[in-house]
Amino acid sequence: MHSKLVRFTAVAVLVLLEASCQTASGPRLDDVLSHQAQWNAHGLSSYSFDYTLRAMIYSVGCPTASWHLTVQQNSVAAATCLATDSAVTPPSVTIDTLFAQVMRALSEKRISAIAYDAQWGFPTSIEFAGPPDAAYSEAATNLAP
């Protein structure tokens, strides 16, 4: 019995030591730049997409913090709250501003994960690191040129 306990403890210690020696891997700058170049290659300045902010906030105009945004000439022209289907004051979010947020968060080491749209290259999910009450994520989906 004693040897089983010693063996179990030794294995557990080795696993913990190995895990502590590994470096955290998150999004890499070259990967972000590659996807940004893919997005820029399409040359879209007018498009629409669904945008969701997942954080510890309450949006008075849109309680779910999910909007359908219409972008014209690289500026948000209109927004519809997805929960109420009503027009609301739009958040100033475009695909280009999402890339800018990613770049800033990378430089501050505040980003943990990014997923990208295979066709267009834009970030579909961005996970920003922080304490439990400050971590948040953003999602962009359903892009239509």
C-alpha atoms as a PDB file:
ATOM      1  CA  MET A   1       0.000   0.000   0.000  1.00  0.00           C
ATOM      2  CA  HIS A   2       2.812   2.357   0.942  1.00  0.00           C
ATOM      3  CA  SER A   3       4.580   1.899  -2.425  1.00  0.00           C
ATOM      4  CA  LYS A   4       1.361   2.697  -4.324  1.00  0.00           C
ATOM      5  CA  LEU A   5       0.970   5.936  -2.385  1.00  0.00           C
ATOM      6  CA  VAL A   6       4.603   6.885  -2.985  1.00  0.00           C
ATOM      7  CA  ARG A   7       4.290   6.062  -6.704  1.00  0.00           C
ATOM      8  CA  PHE A   8       1.025   8.083  -6.993  1.00  0.00           C
ATOM      9  CA  THR A   9       2.582  11.041  -5.189  1.00  0.00           C
ATOM     10  CA  ALA A  10       5.701  10.910  -7.381  1.00  0.00           C
ATOM     11  CA  VAL A  11       3.627  10.840 -10.568  1.00  0.00           C
ATOM     12  CA  ALA A  12       1.478  13.749  -9.353  1.00  0.00           C
ATOM     13  CA  VAL A  13       4.574  15.812  -8.522  1.00  0.00           C
ATOM     14  CA  LEU A  14       6.109  15.098 -11.945  1.00  0.00           C
ATOM     15  CA  VAL A  15       2.902  16.105 -13.724  1.00  0.00           C
ATOM     16  CA  LEU A  16       2.728  19.351 -11.764  1.00  0.00           C
ATOM     17  CA  LEU A  17       6.399  20.118 -12.423  1.00  0.00           C
ATOM     18  CA  GLU A  18       6.001  19.489 -16.140  1.00  0.00           C
ATOM     19  CA  ALA A  19       2.913  21.688 -16.324  1.00  0.00           C
ATOM     20  CA  SER A  20       4.633  24.514 -14.468  1.00  0.00           C
ATOM     21  CA  CYS A  21       7.581  24.484 -16.890  1.00  0.00           C
ATOM     22  CA  GLN A  22       5.430  24.924 -19.968  1.00  0.00           C
ATOM     23  CA  THR A  23       4.946  28.417 -21.304  1.00  0.00           C
ATOM     24  CA  ALA A  24       1.462  29.726 -21.884  1.00  0.00           C
ATOM     25  CA  SER A  25       0.581  29.721 -25.517  1.00  0.00           C
ATOM     26  CA  GLY A  26      -1.795  32.313 -26.793  1.00  0.00           C
ATOM     27  CA  PRO A  27      -2.395  34.075 -30.074  1.00  0.00           C
ATOM     28  CA  ARG A  28       0.753  35.033 -31.952  1.00  0.00           C
ATOM     29  CA  LEU A  29       1.340  38.365 -33.651  1.00  0.00           C
ATOM     30  CA  ASP A  30       2.236  36.785 -36.996  1.00  0.00           C
ATOM     31  CA  ASP A  31      -1.036  34.839 -36.974  1.00  0.00           C
ATOM     32  CA  VAL A  32      -3.053  37.999 -36.284  1.00  0.00           C
ATOM     33  CA  LEU A  33      -1.206  39.905 -39.020  1.00  0.00           C
ATOM     34  CA  SER A  34      -1.790  37.061 -41.475  1.00  0.00           C
ATOM     35  CA  HIS A  35      -5.533  37.088 -40.827  1.00  0.00           C
ATOM     36  CA  GLN A  36      -5.656  40.879 -40.956  1.00  0.00           C
ATOM     37  CA  ALA A  37      -3.961  40.747 -44.363  1.00  0.00           C
ATOM     38  CA  GLN A  38      -6.534  38.167 -45.479  1.00  0.00           C
ATOM     39  CA  TRP A  39      -9.338  40.498 -44.325  1.00  0.00           C
ATOM     40  CA  ASN A  40      -7.747  43.545 -45.986  1.00  0.00           C
ATOM     41  CA  ALA A  41      -7.290  41.650 -49.269  1.00  0.00           C
ATOM     42  CA  HIS A  42     -11.075  41.494 -49.644  1.00  0.00           C
ATOM     43  CA  GLY A  43     -11.247  45.296 -49.629  1.00  0.00           C
ATOM     44  CA  LEU A  44     -14.609  45.496 -47.882  1.00  0.00           C
ATOM     45  CA  SER A  45     -15.542  48.913 -46.527  1.00  0.00           C
ATOM     46  CA  SER A  46     -19.313  48.312 -46.424  1.00  0.00           C
ATOM     47  CA  TYR A  47     -20.776  45.175 -44.863  1.00  0.00           C
ATOM     48  CA  SER A  48     -22.949  43.975 -42.001  1.00  0.00           C
ATOM     49  CA  PHE A  49     -22.329  41.507 -39.185  1.00  0.00           C
ATOM     50  CA  ASP A  50     -23.576  40.401 -35.792  1.00  0.00           C
ATOM     51  CA  TYR A  51     -21.511  41.565 -32.831  1.00  0.00           C
ATOM     52  CA  THR A  52     -21.745  40.283 -29.251  1.00  0.00           C
ATOM     53  CA  LEU A  53     -19.956  41.537 -26.161  1.00  0.00           C
ATOM     54  CA  ARG A  54     -19.819  39.006 -23.332  1.00  0.00           C
ATOM     55  CA  ALA A  55     -18.842  40.796 -20.135  1.00  0.00           C
ATOM     56  CA  MET A  56     -20.178  41.774 -16.758  1.00  0.00           C
ATOM     57  CA  ILE A  57     -22.137  44.697 -18.172  1.00  0.00           C
ATOM     58  CA  TYR A  58     -25.715  45.633 -18.842  1.00  0.00           C
ATOM     59  CA  SER A  59     -26.518  47.498 -22.005  1.00  0.00           C
ATOM     60  CA  VAL A  60     -29.607  49.645 -21.496  1.00  0.00           C
ATOM     61  CA  GLY A  61     -30.367  49.858 -25.224  1.00  0.00           C
ATOM     62  CA  CYS A  62     -29.736  46.175 -25.827  1.00  0.00           C
ATOM     63  CA  PRO A  63     -29.969  43.915 -22.767  1.00  0.00           C
ATOM     64  CA  THR A  64     -28.202  40.970 -24.430  1.00  0.00           C
ATOM     65  CA  ALA A  65     -25.295  43.120 -25.715  1.00  0.00           C
ATOM     66  CA  SER A  66     -25.761  41.549 -29.162  1.00  0.00           C
ATOM     67  CA  TRP A  67     -26.278  43.750 -32.192  1.00  0.00           C
ATOM     68  CA  HIS A  68     -26.578  43.476 -35.953  1.00  0.00           C
ATOM     69  CA  LEU A  69     -24.277  46.239 -37.218  1.00  0.00           C
ATOM     70  CA  THR A  70     -24.282  47.850 -40.640  1.00  0.00           C
ATOM     71  CA  VAL A  71     -20.939  49.330 -41.670  1.00  0.00           C
ATOM     72  CA  GLN A  72     -20.712  51.807 -44.543  1.00  0.00           C
ATOM     73  CA  GLN A  73     -17.380  53.235 -45.680  1.00  0.00           C
ATOM     74  CA  ASN A  74     -15.657  51.777 -42.585  1.00  0.00           C
ATOM     75  CA  SER A  75     -18.035  53.443 -40.103  1.00  0.00           C
ATOM     76  CA  VAL A  76     -20.974  51.950 -38.232  1.00  0.00           C
ATOM     77  CA  ALA A  77     -24.089  53.399 -39.855  1.00  0.00           C
ATOM     78  CA  ALA A  78     -26.831  51.470 -38.046  1.00  0.00           C
ATOM     79  CA  ALA A  79     -27.440  48.912 -35.328  1.00  0.00           C
ATOM     80  CA  THR A  80     -30.296  46.646 -34.407  1.00  0.00           C
ATOM     81  CA  CYS A  81     -30.489  44.947 -31.028  1.00  0.00           C
ATOM     82  CA  LEU A  82     -30.804  41.226 -31.737  1.00  0.00           C
ATOM     83  CA  ALA A  83     -32.907  40.639 -28.581  1.00  0.00           C
ATOM     84  CA  THR A  84     -35.535  43.284 -29.295  1.00  0.00           C
ATOM     85  CA  ASP A  85     -35.183  43.754 -33.063  1.00  0.00           C
ATOM     86  CA  SER A  86     -35.216  47.510 -32.495  1.00  0.00           C
ATOM     87  CA  ALA A  87     -32.872  50.167 -33.828  1.00  0.00           C
ATOM     88  CA  VAL A  88     -30.404  51.359 -31.194  1.00  0.00           C
ATOM     89  CA  THR A  89     -27.427  53.673 -30.929  1.00  0.00           C
ATOM     90  CA  PRO A  90     -24.668  51.625 -32.502  1.00  0.00           C
ATOM     91  CA  PRO A  91     -21.475  50.643 -30.721  1.00  0.00           C
ATOM     92  CA  SER A  92     -18.463  51.856 -32.693  1.00  0.00           C
ATOM     93  CA  VAL A  93     -17.277  48.393 -33.668  1.00  0.00           C
ATOM     94  CA  THR A  94     -16.066  47.401 -37.103  1.00  0.00           C
ATOM     95  CA  ILE A  95     -13.884  44.506 -38.165  1.00  0.00           C
ATOM     96  CA  ASP A  96     -10.957  46.944 -38.317  1.00  0.00           C
ATOM     97  CA  THR A  97     -11.566  48.103 -34.733  1.00  0.00           C
ATOM     98  CA  LEU A  98     -11.676  44.453 -33.623  1.00  0.00           C
ATOM     99  CA  PHE A  99      -8.231  43.928 -35.165  1.00  0.00           C
ATOM    100  CA  ALA A 100      -7.004  47.119 -33.445  1.00  0.00           C
ATOM    101  CA  GLN A 101      -8.287  45.817 -30.087  1.00  0.00           C
ATOM    102  CA  VAL A 102      -6.523  42.505 -30.673  1.00  0.00           C
ATOM    103  CA  MET A 103      -3.233  44.234 -31.470  1.00  0.00           C
ATOM    104  CA  ARG A 104      -3.462  46.426 -28.359  1.00  0.00           C
ATOM    105  CA  ALA A 105      -4.392  43.466 -26.145  1.00  0.00           C
ATOM    106  CA  LEU A 106      -1.529  41.382 -27.560  1.00  0.00           C
ATOM    107  CA  SER A 107       0.964  44.116 -26.733  1.00  0.00           C
ATOM    108  CA  GLU A 108      -0.411  44.231 -23.177  1.00  0.00           C
ATOM    109  CA  LYS A 109      -0.504  40.424 -22.902  1.00  0.00           C
ATOM    110  CA  ARG A 110      -4.246  40.541 -22.175  1.00  0.00           C
ATOM    111  CA  ILE A 111      -5.520  38.114 -24.771  1.00  0.00           C
ATOM    112  CA  SER A 112      -5.948  34.380 -24.384  1.00  0.00           C
ATOM    113  CA  ALA A 113      -7.611  33.111 -27.571  1.00  0.00           C
ATOM    114  CA  ILE A 114      -8.805  34.156 -31.014  1.00  0.00           C
ATOM    115  CA  ALA A 115     -10.810  32.265 -33.638  1.00  0.00           C
ATOM    116  CA  TYR A 116     -11.058  33.456 -37.231  1.00  0.00           C
ATOM    117  CA  ASP A 117     -13.505  33.203 -40.103  1.00  0.00           C
ATOM    118  CA  ALA A 118     -12.006  30.832 -42.684  1.00  0.00           C
ATOM    119  CA  GLN A 119     -13.322  32.729 -45.722  1.00  0.00           C
ATOM    120  CA  TRP A 120     -12.851  36.369 -44.709  1.00  0.00           C
ATOM    121  CA  GLY A 121     -10.112  36.184 -42.063  1.00  0.00           C
ATOM    122  CA  PHE A 122     -11.799  38.407 -39.464  1.00  0.00           C
ATOM    123  CA  PRO A 123     -11.855  37.463 -35.751  1.00  0.00           C
ATOM    124  CA  THR A 124     -15.068  35.583 -34.922  1.00  0.00           C
ATOM    125  CA  SER A 125     -14.236  35.158 -31.239  1.00  0.00           C
ATOM    126  CA  ILE A 126     -11.769  37.068 -29.081  1.00  0.00           C
ATOM    127  CA  GLU A 127     -11.118  36.091 -25.464  1.00  0.00           C
ATOM    128  CA  PHE A 128      -9.558  38.875 -23.396  1.00  0.00           C
ATOM    129  CA  ALA A 129      -7.707  37.756 -20.261  1.00  0.00           C
ATOM    130  CA  GLY A 130      -8.147  39.226 -16.832  1.00  0.00           C
ATOM    131  CA  PRO A 131      -9.447  38.482 -13.369  1.00  0.00           C
ATOM    132  CA  PRO A 132     -12.878  36.812 -13.319  1.00  0.00           C
ATOM    133  CA  ASP A 133     -14.662  40.132 -12.994  1.00  0.00           C
ATOM    134  CA  ALA A 134     -12.637  41.792 -15.765  1.00  0.00           C
ATOM    135  CA  ALA A 135     -12.194  39.069 -18.395  1.00  0.00           C
ATOM    136  CA  TYR A 136     -14.505  39.380 -21.383  1.00  0.00           C
ATOM    137  CA  SER A 137     -15.004  38.238 -24.930  1.00  0.00           C
ATOM    138  CA  GLU A 138     -16.269  39.627 -28.192  1.00  0.00           C
ATOM    139  CA  ALA A 139     -17.767  37.763 -31.119  1.00  0.00           C
ATOM    140  CA  ALA A 140     -18.371  38.734 -34.732  1.00  0.00           C
ATOM    141  CA  THR A 141     -20.464  36.427 -36.883  1.00  0.00           C
ATOM    142  CA  ASN A 142     -22.751  36.330 -39.928  1.00  0.00           C
ATOM    143  CA  LEU A 143     -20.750  38.767 -42.031  1.00  0.00           C
ATOM    144  CA  ALA A 144     -22.479  39.807 -45.247  1.00  0.00           C
ATOM    145  CA  PRO A 145     -20.740  41.992 -47.843  1.00  0.00           C
END
